[in-house]
Amino acid sequence: MFLDPLVHGVWPPELLALLEQHQVTWETSEEDLAVIREHTVDELGINLYYPHRVKAPSRAWHPHTRSIRPGIMSRLSCPAGG
């Protein structure tokens, strides 16, 4: 229905009714409609995208990860204030 003006060169009544229902209207002249009618698309390409979003983990390590050297992180961290 939304591609009809491009493919068939006419605005379908259902689309015009839907647009009017949502206060989407514009003025057209007979010349405008003739241009739409006479210049339909030769080919139509449709792209379908699947977005992949990446987010940094909330923790540096999984909370259940065991250290091979218990207590190593407490020995490596800087003392408070310094």
C-alpha atoms as a PDB file:
ATOM      1  CA  MET A   1       0.000   0.000   0.000  1.00  0.00           C
ATOM      2  CA  PHE A   2       2.789   2.468   0.891  1.00  0.00           C
ATOM      3  CA  LEU A   3       4.754   1.616  -2.251  1.00  0.00           C
ATOM      4  CA  ASP A   4       1.794   1.912  -4.638  1.00  0.00           C
ATOM      5  CA  PRO A   5       2.632   5.479  -5.758  1.00  0.00           C
ATOM      6  CA  LEU A   6       6.172   4.364  -6.643  1.00  0.00           C
ATOM      7  CA  VAL A   7       5.264   1.039  -8.231  1.00  0.00           C
ATOM      8  CA  HIS A   8       1.799   1.655  -9.704  1.00  0.00           C
ATOM      9  CA  GLY A   9       1.794   5.451 -10.021  1.00  0.00           C
ATOM     10  CA  VAL A  10      -1.369   5.988  -7.987  1.00  0.00           C
ATOM     11  CA  TRP A  11      -2.245   6.735  -4.383  1.00  0.00           C
ATOM     12  CA  PRO A  12      -4.522   3.961  -3.094  1.00  0.00           C
ATOM     13  CA  PRO A  13      -7.708   5.187  -1.378  1.00  0.00           C
ATOM     14  CA  GLU A  14      -6.822   3.169   1.754  1.00  0.00           C
ATOM     15  CA  LEU A  15      -3.528   5.030   2.105  1.00  0.00           C
ATOM     16  CA  LEU A  16      -5.146   8.420   1.567  1.00  0.00           C
ATOM     17  CA  ALA A  17      -7.778   7.580   4.212  1.00  0.00           C
ATOM     18  CA  LEU A  18      -5.081   6.469   6.674  1.00  0.00           C
ATOM     19  CA  LEU A  19      -3.034   9.617   6.116  1.00  0.00           C
ATOM     20  CA  GLU A  20      -6.082  11.842   6.481  1.00  0.00           C
ATOM     21  CA  GLN A  21      -7.047  10.017   9.693  1.00  0.00           C
ATOM     22  CA  HIS A  22      -3.669  11.040  11.135  1.00  0.00           C
ATOM     23  CA  GLN A  23      -3.890  14.618   9.781  1.00  0.00           C
ATOM     24  CA  VAL A  24      -1.156  14.016   7.198  1.00  0.00           C
ATOM     25  CA  THR A  25      -2.316  15.932   4.145  1.00  0.00           C
ATOM     26  CA  TRP A  26      -0.742  18.084   1.486  1.00  0.00           C
ATOM     27  CA  GLU A  27      -1.832  19.908  -1.611  1.00  0.00           C
ATOM     28  CA  THR A  28      -1.174  18.318  -4.985  1.00  0.00           C
ATOM     29  CA  SER A  29      -1.880  19.515  -8.465  1.00  0.00           C
ATOM     30  CA  GLU A  30      -2.912  17.432 -11.433  1.00  0.00           C
ATOM     31  CA  GLU A  31       0.613  17.999 -12.771  1.00  0.00           C
ATOM     32  CA  ASP A  32       2.087  16.445  -9.597  1.00  0.00           C
ATOM     33  CA  LEU A  33      -0.168  13.412  -9.938  1.00  0.00           C
ATOM     34  CA  ALA A  34       0.765  13.082 -13.623  1.00  0.00           C
ATOM     35  CA  VAL A  35       4.469  13.052 -12.725  1.00  0.00           C
ATOM     36  CA  ILE A  36       3.846  10.299 -10.165  1.00  0.00           C
ATOM     37  CA  ARG A  37       1.734   8.338 -12.670  1.00  0.00           C
ATOM     38  CA  GLU A  38       4.290   8.599 -15.487  1.00  0.00           C
ATOM     39  CA  HIS A  39       7.471   7.974 -13.480  1.00  0.00           C
ATOM     40  CA  THR A  40       7.153   4.698 -11.638  1.00  0.00           C
ATOM     41  CA  VAL A  41      10.238   2.819 -10.499  1.00  0.00           C
ATOM     42  CA  ASP A  42      11.910   0.257 -12.751  1.00  0.00           C
ATOM     43  CA  GLU A  43      13.392  -1.729  -9.905  1.00  0.00           C
ATOM     44  CA  LEU A  44      12.721  -1.886  -6.204  1.00  0.00           C
ATOM     45  CA  GLY A  45      15.344  -2.926  -3.677  1.00  0.00           C
ATOM     46  CA  ILE A  46      14.437  -3.758  -0.114  1.00  0.00           C
ATOM     47  CA  ASN A  47      17.150  -3.853   2.534  1.00  0.00           C
ATOM     48  CA  LEU A  48      16.692  -5.785   5.740  1.00  0.00           C
ATOM     49  CA  TYR A  49      19.068  -4.996   8.564  1.00  0.00           C
ATOM     50  CA  TYR A  50      19.702  -6.941  11.749  1.00  0.00           C
ATOM     51  CA  PRO A  51      21.411  -4.609  14.211  1.00  0.00           C
ATOM     52  CA  HIS A  52      23.890  -6.104  16.633  1.00  0.00           C
ATOM     53  CA  ARG A  53      24.482  -3.972  19.680  1.00  0.00           C
ATOM     54  CA  VAL A  54      27.546  -4.356  21.827  1.00  0.00           C
ATOM     55  CA  LYS A  55      27.728  -3.230  25.425  1.00  0.00           C
ATOM     56  CA  ALA A  56      30.620  -3.300  27.845  1.00  0.00           C
ATOM     57  CA  PRO A  57      30.096  -5.763  30.679  1.00  0.00           C
ATOM     58  CA  SER A  58      29.016  -4.341  34.011  1.00  0.00           C
ATOM     59  CA  ARG A  59      31.899  -6.150  35.752  1.00  0.00           C
ATOM     60  CA  ALA A  60      35.421  -6.821  34.600  1.00  0.00           C
ATOM     61  CA  TRP A  61      35.151 -10.471  35.665  1.00  0.00           C
ATOM     62  CA  HIS A  62      32.248 -12.838  35.965  1.00  0.00           C
ATOM     63  CA  PRO A  63      31.253 -12.843  39.657  1.00  0.00           C
ATOM     64  CA  HIS A  64      31.823 -16.611  39.948  1.00  0.00           C
ATOM     65  CA  THR A  65      35.289 -16.636  38.367  1.00  0.00           C
ATOM     66  CA  ARG A  66      37.824 -18.211  40.689  1.00  0.00           C
ATOM     67  CA  SER A  67      41.330 -16.848  40.791  1.00  0.00           C
ATOM     68  CA  ILE A  68      44.242 -19.213  40.277  1.00  0.00           C
ATOM     69  CA  ARG A  69      46.086 -17.190  42.893  1.00  0.00           C
ATOM     70  CA  PRO A  70      43.686 -16.286  45.725  1.00  0.00           C
ATOM     71  CA  GLY A  71      44.233 -12.806  47.120  1.00  0.00           C
ATOM     72  CA  ILE A  72      46.244 -11.548  44.117  1.00  0.00           C
ATOM     73  CA  MET A  73      43.904  -8.633  43.461  1.00  0.00           C
ATOM     74  CA  SER A  74      44.190  -7.329  47.025  1.00  0.00           C
ATOM     75  CA  ARG A  75      47.994  -7.378  46.747  1.00  0.00           C
ATOM     76  CA  LEU A  76      47.984  -5.590  43.362  1.00  0.00           C
ATOM     77  CA  SER A  77      45.546  -2.807  44.179  1.00  0.00           C
ATOM     78  CA  CYS A  78      46.782   0.609  45.231  1.00  0.00           C
ATOM     79  CA  PRO A  79      46.358   1.625  48.864  1.00  0.00           C
ATOM     80  CA  ALA A  80      43.658   4.185  49.582  1.00  0.00           C
ATOM     81  CA  GLY A  81      44.697   7.692  48.636  1.00  0.00           C
ATOM     82  CA  GLY A  82      47.720   6.718  46.736  1.00  0.00           C
END
